[in-house]
Structures are given as structure tokens and as C-alpha cells.
């Protein structure tokens, strides 16, 4: 089941923008999916500090929602 998405503004450098754009064009996966996947990875990495098991709280990552 898909979770409700909330719009956020992020600032990334021009190299990141270009790399993300090229990756998205090559794979046909929306840029937002990659940004959500990266955020999932950071939250999982620091889940110990957040005092919860990321995998249990957020079952099904963004990339899985896209069907990959």
C-alpha cells in the first residue's frame, strides 16, 4: 500500500542535479524515486540513533513502490 507523499524542497549541487537527471533519463525511473530511495538509505543507516527499526516502520521502500 502506497503511503501519502508530502512535498519538500531540497537543495542539491549542480553535479548532483545533472547526475540524477542523467540516471533518470537512462533508466526511466523518476528522479523523486531515487531521492526517496537515498533518504530511505540514510534513515536506515541512522535508525539506531532514532531508536526504531527502520525496516519495520517503513515496510516497502520507495523503489519497491515503483515496481523495481
Foldseek 3Di string as FASTA:
>chain_A
DDDDDDDDDDDDDPVVVVVLVVVCVVVVPDSVLVVQVVVLVVCCVCVVVVPDHSCVVDPAGSVVVVPD
